[in-house]
Protein backbone atom coordinates (compact mmCIF):
# COMPACT_ATOMS: atom_id res chain seq x y z
CA MET A 1 0.06 0.01 0.09
CA THR A 2 2.83 2.41 0.79
CA GLU A 3 4.32 1.93 -2.67
CA TRP A 4 1.02 2.98 -4.19
CA ILE A 5 0.96 6.18 -2.13
CA ILE A 6 4.50 6.94 -3.02
CA SER A 7 3.81 6.27 -6.76
CA ILE A 8 0.77 8.40 -6.82
CA LEU A 9 2.62 11.37 -5.01
CA LEU A 10 5.38 11.02 -7.45
CA LEU A 11 3.18 11.14 -10.51
CA ILE A 12 1.19 14.13 -9.02
CA GLY A 13 4.50 15.96 -8.28
CA GLY A 14 6.05 15.24 -11.60
CA SER A 15 2.87 16.44 -13.33
CA PHE A 16 2.77 19.57 -11.50
CA VAL A 17 6.65 20.32 -12.18
CA LEU A 18 6.03 19.45 -15.90
CA VAL A 19 3.08 21.89 -16.16
CA GLY A 20 5.08 24.57 -14.41
CA SER A 21 7.90 24.14 -16.61
CA ILE A 22 5.83 24.25 -19.75
CA GLY A 23 4.24 27.34 -18.32
CA LEU A 24 7.63 28.94 -17.83
CA VAL A 25 8.38 28.33 -21.52
CA LYS A 26 5.13 29.05 -23.04
CA MET A 27 3.73 32.17 -21.43
CA PRO A 28 4.14 35.38 -23.35
CA ASP A 29 5.63 38.01 -20.88
CA PHE A 30 7.47 37.96 -17.65
CA PHE A 31 4.60 38.63 -15.43
CA MET A 32 2.72 35.63 -16.64
CA ARG A 33 5.67 33.51 -16.92
CA LEU A 34 6.37 33.80 -13.35
CA HIS A 35 3.24 31.80 -12.32
CA GLY A 36 4.71 28.61 -13.42
CA PRO A 37 7.61 28.28 -11.09
CA THR A 38 5.93 29.95 -8.13
CA LYS A 39 2.83 28.06 -8.13
CA ALA A 40 2.78 24.70 -9.94
CA THR A 41 6.36 24.01 -9.43
CA THR A 42 6.23 24.60 -5.94
CA LEU A 43 3.27 22.39 -5.38
CA GLY A 44 4.93 19.76 -7.43
CA MET A 45 8.09 19.82 -5.43
CA ALA A 46 6.06 19.67 -2.24
CA SER A 47 4.40 16.47 -3.63
CA LEU A 48 7.78 15.03 -4.47
CA LEU A 49 9.22 15.67 -0.99
CA THR A 50 6.06 14.27 0.67
CA ALA A 51 6.72 11.16 -1.41
CA ALA A 52 10.33 11.15 -0.17
CA MET A 53 9.06 11.54 3.34
CA VAL A 54 6.67 8.60 3.14
CA PHE A 55 9.42 6.41 1.50
CA PHE A 56 12.13 7.22 4.03
CA SER A 57 9.77 6.98 7.13
CA THR A 58 8.85 3.48 5.96
CA ALA A 59 12.60 2.41 5.02
CA GLN A 60 13.98 3.90 8.28
CA SER A 61 12.61 4.02 11.68
CA GLY A 62 11.33 7.39 12.54
CA LEU A 63 10.26 10.53 10.73
CA SER A 64 12.69 12.11 8.20
CA VAL A 65 13.53 15.68 9.28
CA LYS A 66 15.52 16.53 6.15
CA GLU A 67 12.51 16.47 3.81
CA ILE A 68 10.41 18.38 6.25
CA LEU A 69 13.09 21.12 6.57
CA ILE A 70 13.43 21.28 2.65
CA SER A 71 9.68 21.44 2.27
CA ILE A 72 9.41 24.36 4.85
CA PHE A 73 12.23 26.24 3.18
CA LEU A 74 10.83 25.68 -0.43
CA LEU A 75 7.30 26.65 0.61
CA LEU A 76 8.48 29.91 2.36
CA THR A 77 11.22 31.03 -0.12
CA ALA A 78 9.50 30.43 -3.49
CA PRO A 79 6.52 32.84 -2.94
CA ILE A 80 8.87 35.33 -1.44
CA SER A 81 11.38 35.31 -4.41
CA GLY A 82 8.55 35.36 -6.77
CA TYR A 83 7.26 38.59 -5.20
CA MET A 84 10.67 40.21 -5.16
CA LEU A 85 11.02 39.42 -8.91
CA ILE A 86 7.63 41.08 -9.68
CA LYS A 87 8.56 44.08 -7.49
CA SER A 88 11.83 44.47 -9.33
CA ALA A 89 10.11 44.25 -12.79
CA ILE A 90 7.63 46.82 -11.68
CA HIS A 91 10.42 49.14 -10.42
CA HIS A 92 12.24 48.74 -13.69
CA LYS A 93 8.91 49.42 -15.59
CA LEU A 94 9.29 46.07 -17.63
CA ASP A 95 6.69 45.99 -20.52
CA SER A 96 3.98 43.55 -20.46
CA ILE A 97 1.48 42.42 -23.15
CA GLU A 98 -2.21 43.68 -23.47
CA ARG A 99 -3.56 40.56 -21.91
CA THR A 100 -1.70 40.79 -18.63
CA GLN A 101 -4.28 41.41 -15.71
CA GLY A 102 -3.76 43.44 -12.74
CA LYS A 103 -1.76 46.30 -14.42
CA ASP A 104 -4.39 48.87 -13.00
CA ASN A 105 -3.41 47.76 -9.45
CA ILE A 106 0.17 48.64 -9.84
CA GLU A 107 1.12 51.74 -7.73
CA ASP A 108 3.72 54.29 -8.98
CA ASP A 109 7.14 54.40 -7.34
CA VAL A 110 7.49 57.55 -5.44
């Protein structure tokens, strides 16, 4: 039963990472392109790390702390780095395409 859980988590994680990577390549501008790695890829990596936690907790006695620490670090730093990249792009007045939503909510730098 544990092998099934690990396999399903690996497939889900791999699918999210693949979708995030395709989104990174296919999106037309920087603002849209940033959604792939900050959302889908982060969720995929969390699923892969959960599969690793399940595997190592059954293979060894006790809970695997390394994967928990990696998951916490990843889930904290990916949104923050995405936010900082967006703020930098806004500050440098990076152009976006017409379809990019939320341009009206951008405040001017003072």
